[in-house]
Amino acid sequence: MPKVVEVVMGPSMPETGEIARAVTLDNGWGQVQTYDKRKKSWVKGGTTLQSLWAADAISRDLLKQNGFDAEDIQKILWRPKDE
């Protein structure tokens, strides 16, 4: 499975109410991903790039207000440079 090398846009909360981001993968492709709270991981799809453009960025406080735990918040706000 390709690794994320750059978070290009997001994470943000489009009108769908999901947490989403656009990324560049190590194989050179781009992908829109949505955070799956049950799996505690990012999954392919779920929203559109256009929805991301219109959405506001997410803050740690907003995630806490929406019931995300510390593990979710760390994974949602993670950037490749964090490793």
PDB file of N, CA and C in Angstrom:
ATOM      1  N   MET A   1       0.844  -1.170   0.000  1.00  0.00           N
ATOM      2  CA  MET A   1       0.000   0.000   0.000  1.00  0.00           C
ATOM      3  C   MET A   1       0.895   1.240   0.000  1.00  0.00           C
ATOM      4  N   PRO A   2       0.612   2.199  -0.874  1.00  0.00           N
ATOM      5  CA  PRO A   2       1.424   3.415  -0.937  1.00  0.00           C
ATOM      6  C   PRO A   2       1.361   4.219   0.365  1.00  0.00           C
ATOM      7  N   LYS A   3       2.474   4.873   0.685  1.00  0.00           N
ATOM      8  CA  LYS A   3       2.544   5.721   1.879  1.00  0.00           C
ATOM      9  C   LYS A   3       2.266   7.167   1.512  1.00  0.00           C
ATOM     10  N   VAL A   4       1.721   7.900   2.462  1.00  0.00           N
ATOM     11  CA  VAL A   4       1.491   9.332   2.304  1.00  0.00           C
ATOM     12  C   VAL A   4       2.824  10.046   2.464  1.00  0.00           C
ATOM     13  N   VAL A   5       3.172  10.886   1.479  1.00  0.00           N
ATOM     14  CA  VAL A   5       4.406  11.663   1.574  1.00  0.00           C
ATOM     15  C   VAL A   5       4.132  13.144   1.798  1.00  0.00           C
ATOM     16  N   GLU A   6       2.885  13.568   1.522  1.00  0.00           N
ATOM     17  CA  GLU A   6       2.528  14.975   1.723  1.00  0.00           C
ATOM     18  C   GLU A   6       1.019  15.097   1.908  1.00  0.00           C
ATOM     19  N   VAL A   7       0.623  15.921   2.876  1.00  0.00           N
ATOM     20  CA  VAL A   7      -0.784  16.288   3.018  1.00  0.00           C
ATOM     21  C   VAL A   7      -0.932  17.608   2.282  1.00  0.00           C
ATOM     22  N   VAL A   8      -1.630  17.577   1.155  1.00  0.00           N
ATOM     23  CA  VAL A   8      -1.736  18.729   0.274  1.00  0.00           C
ATOM     24  C   VAL A   8      -2.821  19.701   0.737  1.00  0.00           C
ATOM     25  N   MET A   9      -3.905  19.157   1.239  1.00  0.00           N
ATOM     26  CA  MET A   9      -5.032  19.982   1.663  1.00  0.00           C
ATOM     27  C   MET A   9      -5.723  19.296   2.839  1.00  0.00           C
ATOM     28  N   GLY A  10      -6.060  20.087   3.871  1.00  0.00           N
ATOM     29  CA  GLY A  10      -6.771  19.545   5.016  1.00  0.00           C
ATOM     30  C   GLY A  10      -5.810  19.203   6.141  1.00  0.00           C
ATOM     31  N   PRO A  11      -6.266  18.505   7.127  1.00  0.00           N
ATOM     32  CA  PRO A  11      -7.604  17.969   7.251  1.00  0.00           C
ATOM     33  C   PRO A  11      -8.635  19.072   7.472  1.00  0.00           C
ATOM     34  N   SER A  12      -9.809  18.801   6.973  1.00  0.00           N
ATOM     35  CA  SER A  12     -10.907  19.743   7.116  1.00  0.00           C
ATOM     36  C   SER A  12     -12.212  18.973   7.203  1.00  0.00           C
ATOM     37  N   MET A  13     -13.297  19.711   7.467  1.00  0.00           N
ATOM     38  CA  MET A  13     -14.608  19.091   7.592  1.00  0.00           C
ATOM     39  C   MET A  13     -15.530  19.655   6.517  1.00  0.00           C
ATOM     40  N   PRO A  14     -15.631  18.954   5.382  1.00  0.00           N
ATOM     41  CA  PRO A  14     -16.553  19.403   4.326  1.00  0.00           C
ATOM     42  C   PRO A  14     -18.003  19.328   4.798  1.00  0.00           C
ATOM     43  N   GLU A  15     -18.912  19.774   3.953  1.00  0.00           N
ATOM     44  CA  GLU A  15     -20.329  19.799   4.316  1.00  0.00           C
ATOM     45  C   GLU A  15     -20.887  18.422   4.650  1.00  0.00           C
ATOM     46  N   THR A  16     -20.180  17.357   4.278  1.00  0.00           N
ATOM     47  CA  THR A  16     -20.617  16.000   4.593  1.00  0.00           C
ATOM     48  C   THR A  16     -20.509  15.701   6.083  1.00  0.00           C
ATOM     49  N   GLY A  17     -19.723  16.507   6.801  1.00  0.00           N
ATOM     50  CA  GLY A  17     -19.532  16.295   8.232  1.00  0.00           C
ATOM     51  C   GLY A  17     -18.409  15.331   8.563  1.00  0.00           C
ATOM     52  N   GLU A  18     -17.780  14.767   7.537  1.00  0.00           N
ATOM     53  CA  GLU A  18     -16.658  13.863   7.744  1.00  0.00           C
ATOM     54  C   GLU A  18     -15.357  14.665   7.807  1.00  0.00           C
ATOM     55  N   ILE A  19     -14.316  14.040   8.315  1.00  0.00           N
ATOM     56  CA  ILE A  19     -12.994  14.645   8.305  1.00  0.00           C
ATOM     57  C   ILE A  19     -12.300  14.144   7.036  1.00  0.00           C
ATOM     58  N   ALA A  20     -11.766  15.058   6.230  1.00  0.00           N
ATOM     59  CA  ALA A  20     -11.164  14.652   4.960  1.00  0.00           C
ATOM     60  C   ALA A  20      -9.867  15.409   4.709  1.00  0.00           C
ATOM     61  N   ARG A  21      -9.062  14.842   3.795  1.00  0.00           N
ATOM     62  CA  ARG A  21      -7.814  15.488   3.400  1.00  0.00           C
ATOM     63  C   ARG A  21      -7.456  15.026   1.987  1.00  0.00           C
ATOM     64  N   ALA A  22      -6.577  15.766   1.347  1.00  0.00           N
ATOM     65  CA  ALA A  22      -6.020  15.366   0.057  1.00  0.00           C
ATOM     66  C   ALA A  22      -4.537  15.135   0.270  1.00  0.00           C
ATOM     67  N   VAL A  23      -4.022  14.038  -0.263  1.00  0.00           N
ATOM     68  CA  VAL A  23      -2.634  13.660  -0.033  1.00  0.00           C
ATOM     69  C   VAL A  23      -1.928  13.304  -1.339  1.00  0.00           C
ATOM     70  N   THR A  24      -0.598  13.334  -1.278  1.00  0.00           N
ATOM     71  CA  THR A  24       0.245  12.803  -2.337  1.00  0.00           C
ATOM     72  C   THR A  24       0.863  11.521  -1.789  1.00  0.00           C
ATOM     73  N   LEU A  25       0.842  10.465  -2.598  1.00  0.00           N
ATOM     74  CA  LEU A  25       1.379   9.172  -2.190  1.00  0.00           C
ATOM     75  C   LEU A  25       2.781   8.961  -2.761  1.00  0.00           C
ATOM     76  N   ASP A  26       3.523   8.026  -2.182  1.00  0.00           N
ATOM     77  CA  ASP A  26       4.900   7.789  -2.637  1.00  0.00           C
ATOM     78  C   ASP A  26       4.991   7.194  -4.040  1.00  0.00           C
ATOM     79  N   ASN A  27       3.863   6.789  -4.624  1.00  0.00           N
ATOM     80  CA  ASN A  27       3.866   6.302  -5.998  1.00  0.00           C
ATOM     81  C   ASN A  27       3.585   7.431  -6.995  1.00  0.00           C
ATOM     82  N   GLY A  28       3.467   8.669  -6.467  1.00  0.00           N
ATOM     83  CA  GLY A  28       3.245   9.834  -7.316  1.00  0.00           C
ATOM     84  C   GLY A  28       1.787  10.213  -7.520  1.00  0.00           C
ATOM     85  N   TRP A  29       0.876   9.375  -7.097  1.00  0.00           N
ATOM     86  CA  TRP A  29      -0.551   9.652  -7.263  1.00  0.00           C
ATOM     87  C   TRP A  29      -1.072  10.499  -6.110  1.00  0.00           C
ATOM     88  N   GLY A  30      -2.190  11.174  -6.352  1.00  0.00           N
ATOM     89  CA  GLY A  30      -2.894  11.915  -5.317  1.00  0.00           C
ATOM     90  C   GLY A  30      -4.144  11.167  -4.926  1.00  0.00           C
ATOM     91  N   GLN A  31      -4.663  11.491  -3.761  1.00  0.00           N
ATOM     92  CA  GLN A  31      -5.843  10.790  -3.270  1.00  0.00           C
ATOM     93  C   GLN A  31      -6.585  11.651  -2.257  1.00  0.00           C
ATOM     94  N   VAL A  32      -7.911  11.590  -2.295  1.00  0.00           N
ATOM     95  CA  VAL A  32      -8.734  12.189  -1.252  1.00  0.00           C
ATOM     96  C   VAL A  32      -9.037  11.069  -0.262  1.00  0.00           C
ATOM     97  N   GLN A  33      -8.840  11.361   1.021  1.00  0.00           N
ATOM     98  CA  GLN A  33      -9.077  10.369   2.064  1.00  0.00           C
ATOM     99  C   GLN A  33     -10.034  10.923   3.108  1.00  0.00           C
ATOM    100  N   THR A  34     -10.762  10.016   3.738  1.00  0.00           N
ATOM    101  CA  THR A  34     -11.686  10.355   4.820  1.00  0.00           C
ATOM    102  C   THR A  34     -11.263   9.576   6.056  1.00  0.00           C
ATOM    103  N   TYR A  35     -11.354  10.219   7.215  1.00  0.00           N
ATOM    104  CA  TYR A  35     -10.978   9.538   8.455  1.00  0.00           C
ATOM    105  C   TYR A  35     -12.127   8.659   8.915  1.00  0.00           C
ATOM    106  N   ASP A  36     -11.838   7.375   9.140  1.00  0.00           N
ATOM    107  CA  ASP A  36     -12.823   6.409   9.629  1.00  0.00           C
ATOM    108  C   ASP A  36     -12.615   6.247  11.127  1.00  0.00           C
ATOM    109  N   LYS A  37     -13.552   6.766  11.903  1.00  0.00           N
ATOM    110  CA  LYS A  37     -13.428   6.767  13.360  1.00  0.00           C
ATOM    111  C   LYS A  37     -13.459   5.342  13.934  1.00  0.00           C
ATOM    112  N   ARG A  38     -14.209   4.446  13.302  1.00  0.00           N
ATOM    113  CA  ARG A  38     -14.274   3.064  13.786  1.00  0.00           C
ATOM    114  C   ARG A  38     -12.957   2.331  13.553  1.00  0.00           C
ATOM    115  N   LYS A  39     -12.353   2.525  12.382  1.00  0.00           N
ATOM    116  CA  LYS A  39     -11.083   1.873  12.056  1.00  0.00           C
ATOM    117  C   LYS A  39      -9.879   2.628  12.609  1.00  0.00           C
ATOM    118  N   LYS A  40     -10.121   3.881  13.013  1.00  0.00           N
ATOM    119  CA  LYS A  40      -9.064   4.776  13.495  1.00  0.00           C
ATOM    120  C   LYS A  40      -7.952   4.907  12.454  1.00  0.00           C
ATOM    121  N   SER A  41      -8.372   5.125  11.202  1.00  0.00           N
ATOM    122  CA  SER A  41      -7.409   5.287  10.119  1.00  0.00           C
ATOM    123  C   SER A  41      -8.043   6.055   8.965  1.00  0.00           C
ATOM    124  N   TRP A  42      -7.182   6.504   8.062  1.00  0.00           N
ATOM    125  CA  TRP A  42      -7.625   7.189   6.857  1.00  0.00           C
ATOM    126  C   TRP A  42      -7.977   6.158   5.802  1.00  0.00           C
ATOM    127  N   VAL A  43      -9.103   6.368   5.090  1.00  0.00           N
ATOM    128  CA  VAL A  43      -9.523   5.478   4.013  1.00  0.00           C
ATOM    129  C   VAL A  43      -9.726   6.288   2.744  1.00  0.00           C
ATOM    130  N   LYS A  44      -9.584   5.636   1.615  1.00  0.00           N
ATOM    131  CA  LYS A  44      -9.718   6.289   0.319  1.00  0.00           C
ATOM    132  C   LYS A  44     -11.164   6.740   0.089  1.00  0.00           C
ATOM    133  N   GLY A  45     -11.298   7.962  -0.444  1.00  0.00           N
ATOM    134  CA  GLY A  45     -12.606   8.466  -0.865  1.00  0.00           C
ATOM    135  C   GLY A  45     -13.440   9.068   0.241  1.00  0.00           C
ATOM    136  N   GLY A  46     -14.741   9.141  -0.018  1.00  0.00           N
ATOM    137  CA  GLY A  46     -15.674   9.658   0.967  1.00  0.00           C
ATOM    138  C   GLY A  46     -16.150  11.070   0.684  1.00  0.00           C
ATOM    139  N   THR A  47     -15.373  11.838  -0.039  1.00  0.00           N
ATOM    140  CA  THR A  47     -15.756  13.202  -0.391  1.00  0.00           C
ATOM    141  C   THR A  47     -15.005  13.592  -1.667  1.00  0.00           C
ATOM    142  N   THR A  48     -15.211  14.812  -2.099  1.00  0.00           N
ATOM    143  CA  THR A  48     -14.567  15.269  -3.326  1.00  0.00           C
ATOM    144  C   THR A  48     -13.529  16.344  -3.021  1.00  0.00           C
ATOM    145  N   LEU A  49     -12.643  16.550  -3.963  1.00  0.00           N
ATOM    146  CA  LEU A  49     -11.655  17.608  -3.837  1.00  0.00           C
ATOM    147  C   LEU A  49     -12.330  18.972  -3.776  1.00  0.00           C
ATOM    148  N   GLN A  50     -13.399  19.146  -4.534  1.00  0.00           N
ATOM    149  CA  GLN A  50     -14.144  20.410  -4.524  1.00  0.00           C
ATOM    150  C   GLN A  50     -14.709  20.699  -3.129  1.00  0.00           C
ATOM    151  N   SER A  51     -15.188  19.670  -2.434  1.00  0.00           N
ATOM    152  CA  SER A  51     -15.694  19.856  -1.069  1.00  0.00           C
ATOM    153  C   SER A  51     -14.592  20.295  -0.125  1.00  0.00           C
ATOM    154  N   LEU A  52     -13.393  19.760  -0.334  1.00  0.00           N
ATOM    155  CA  LEU A  52     -12.257  20.159   0.503  1.00  0.00           C
ATOM    156  C   LEU A  52     -11.886  21.619   0.298  1.00  0.00           C
ATOM    157  N   TRP A  53     -11.921  22.080  -0.954  1.00  0.00           N
ATOM    158  CA  TRP A  53     -11.585  23.474  -1.236  1.00  0.00           C
ATOM    159  C   TRP A  53     -12.508  24.422  -0.493  1.00  0.00           C
ATOM    160  N   ALA A  54     -13.771  24.064  -0.372  1.00  0.00           N
ATOM    161  CA  ALA A  54     -14.758  24.939   0.252  1.00  0.00           C
ATOM    162  C   ALA A  54     -14.789  24.818   1.776  1.00  0.00           C
ATOM    163  N   ALA A  55     -14.126  23.814   2.324  1.00  0.00           N
ATOM    164  CA  ALA A  55     -14.205  23.544   3.762  1.00  0.00           C
ATOM    165  C   ALA A  55     -13.161  24.322   4.553  1.00  0.00           C
ATOM    166  N   ASP A  56     -13.474  24.544   5.824  1.00  0.00           N
ATOM    167  CA  ASP A  56     -12.541  25.187   6.745  1.00  0.00           C
ATOM    168  C   ASP A  56     -11.613  24.150   7.360  1.00  0.00           C
ATOM    169  N   ALA A  57     -10.408  24.570   7.683  1.00  0.00           N
ATOM    170  CA  ALA A  57      -9.443  23.685   8.346  1.00  0.00           C
ATOM    171  C   ALA A  57      -9.967  23.294   9.725  1.00  0.00           C
ATOM    172  N   ILE A  58      -9.457  22.203  10.219  1.00  0.00           N
ATOM    173  CA  ILE A  58      -9.883  21.679  11.521  1.00  0.00           C
ATOM    174  C   ILE A  58      -8.840  22.011  12.571  1.00  0.00           C
ATOM    175  N   SER A  59      -9.307  22.308  13.764  1.00  0.00           N
ATOM    176  CA  SER A  59      -8.408  22.564  14.885  1.00  0.00           C
ATOM    177  C   SER A  59      -8.536  21.431  15.904  1.00  0.00           C
ATOM    178  N   ARG A  60      -7.538  21.324  16.759  1.00  0.00           N
ATOM    179  CA  ARG A  60      -7.569  20.341  17.842  1.00  0.00           C
ATOM    180  C   ARG A  60      -8.815  20.544  18.713  1.00  0.00           C
ATOM    181  N   ASP A  61      -9.144  21.801  19.013  1.00  0.00           N
ATOM    182  CA  ASP A  61     -10.316  22.090  19.850  1.00  0.00           C
ATOM    183  C   ASP A  61     -11.615  21.638  19.186  1.00  0.00           C
ATOM    184  N   LEU A  62     -11.744  21.859  17.878  1.00  0.00           N
ATOM    185  CA  LEU A  62     -12.944  21.441  17.161  1.00  0.00           C
ATOM    186  C   LEU A  62     -13.083  19.920  17.180  1.00  0.00           C
ATOM    187  N   LEU A  63     -11.970  19.224  17.042  1.00  0.00           N
ATOM    188  CA  LEU A  63     -12.010  17.764  17.095  1.00  0.00           C
ATOM    189  C   LEU A  63     -12.469  17.285  18.477  1.00  0.00           C
ATOM    190  N   LYS A  64     -11.938  17.904  19.533  1.00  0.00           N
ATOM    191  CA  LYS A  64     -12.363  17.542  20.892  1.00  0.00           C
ATOM    192  C   LYS A  64     -13.851  17.793  21.078  1.00  0.00           C
ATOM    193  N   GLN A  65     -14.345  18.926  20.581  1.00  0.00           N
ATOM    194  CA  GLN A  65     -15.765  19.259  20.698  1.00  0.00           C
ATOM    195  C   GLN A  65     -16.654  18.250  19.971  1.00  0.00           C
ATOM    196  N   ASN A  66     -16.104  17.637  18.921  1.00  0.00           N
ATOM    197  CA  ASN A  66     -16.861  16.658  18.142  1.00  0.00           C
ATOM    198  C   ASN A  66     -16.653  15.221  18.627  1.00  0.00           C
ATOM    199  N   GLY A  67     -16.059  15.058  19.802  1.00  0.00           N
ATOM    200  CA  GLY A  67     -15.960  13.750  20.438  1.00  0.00           C
ATOM    201  C   GLY A  67     -14.820  12.859  19.997  1.00  0.00           C
ATOM    202  N   PHE A  68     -13.814  13.412  19.355  1.00  0.00           N
ATOM    203  CA  PHE A  68     -12.666  12.608  18.957  1.00  0.00           C
ATOM    204  C   PHE A  68     -11.718  12.467  20.142  1.00  0.00           C
ATOM    205  N   ASP A  69     -11.213  11.249  20.356  1.00  0.00           N
ATOM    206  CA  ASP A  69     -10.289  11.021  21.468  1.00  0.00           C
ATOM    207  C   ASP A  69      -8.856  11.389  21.055  1.00  0.00           C
ATOM    208  N   ALA A  70      -7.942  11.285  21.999  1.00  0.00           N
ATOM    209  CA  ALA A  70      -6.546  11.702  21.758  1.00  0.00           C
ATOM    210  C   ALA A  70      -5.897  10.928  20.617  1.00  0.00           C
ATOM    211  N   GLU A  71      -6.185   9.621  20.516  1.00  0.00           N
ATOM    212  CA  GLU A  71      -5.604   8.815  19.436  1.00  0.00           C
ATOM    213  C   GLU A  71      -6.113   9.289  18.072  1.00  0.00           C
ATOM    214  N   ASP A  72      -7.430   9.535  17.978  1.00  0.00           N
ATOM    215  CA  ASP A  72      -8.002  10.049  16.729  1.00  0.00           C
ATOM    216  C   ASP A  72      -7.369  11.390  16.359  1.00  0.00           C
ATOM    217  N   ILE A  73      -7.292  12.279  17.313  1.00  0.00           N
ATOM    218  CA  ILE A  73      -6.761  13.623  17.058  1.00  0.00           C
ATOM    219  C   ILE A  73      -5.330  13.550  16.544  1.00  0.00           C
ATOM    220  N   GLN A  74      -4.513  12.699  17.158  1.00  0.00           N
ATOM    221  CA  GLN A  74      -3.123  12.547  16.715  1.00  0.00           C
ATOM    222  C   GLN A  74      -3.076  12.045  15.271  1.00  0.00           C
ATOM    223  N   LYS A  75      -3.897  11.069  14.935  1.00  0.00           N
ATOM    224  CA  LYS A  75      -3.901  10.518  13.578  1.00  0.00           C
ATOM    225  C   LYS A  75      -4.473  11.499  12.558  1.00  0.00           C
ATOM    226  N   ILE A  76      -5.458  12.271  12.956  1.00  0.00           N
ATOM    227  CA  ILE A  76      -6.075  13.239  12.043  1.00  0.00           C
ATOM    228  C   ILE A  76      -5.108  14.377  11.732  1.00  0.00           C
ATOM    229  N   LEU A  77      -4.402  14.867  12.726  1.00  0.00           N
ATOM    230  CA  LEU A  77      -3.506  16.015  12.546  1.00  0.00           C
ATOM    231  C   LEU A  77      -2.094  15.626  12.106  1.00  0.00           C
ATOM    232  N   TRP A  78      -1.789  14.336  11.999  1.00  0.00           N
ATOM    233  CA  TRP A  78      -0.478  13.838  11.609  1.00  0.00           C
ATOM    234  C   TRP A  78      -0.054  14.376  10.246  1.00  0.00           C
ATOM    235  N   ARG A  79       1.212  14.670  10.127  1.00  0.00           N
ATOM    236  CA  ARG A  79       1.848  15.076   8.852  1.00  0.00           C
ATOM    237  C   ARG A  79       3.059  14.187   8.641  1.00  0.00           C
ATOM    238  N   PRO A  80       3.440  13.884   7.403  1.00  0.00           N
ATOM    239  CA  PRO A  80       4.606  13.027   7.161  1.00  0.00           C
ATOM    240  C   PRO A  80       5.878  13.508   7.854  1.00  0.00           C
ATOM    241  N   LYS A  81       6.053  14.792   7.995  1.00  0.00           N
ATOM    242  CA  LYS A  81       7.254  15.308   8.673  1.00  0.00           C
ATOM    243  C   LYS A  81       7.273  14.972  10.154  1.00  0.00           C
ATOM    244  N   ASP A  82       6.125  14.510  10.710  1.00  0.00           N
ATOM    245  CA  ASP A  82       6.028  14.184  12.123  1.00  0.00           C
ATOM    246  C   ASP A  82       6.768  12.901  12.481  1.00  0.00           C
ATOM    247  N   GLU A  83       7.136  12.082  11.475  1.00  0.00           N
ATOM    248  CA  GLU A  83       7.796  10.811  11.766  1.00  0.00           C
ATOM    249  C   GLU A  83       9.265  11.015  12.069  1.00  0.00           C
TER     250      GLU A  83
END
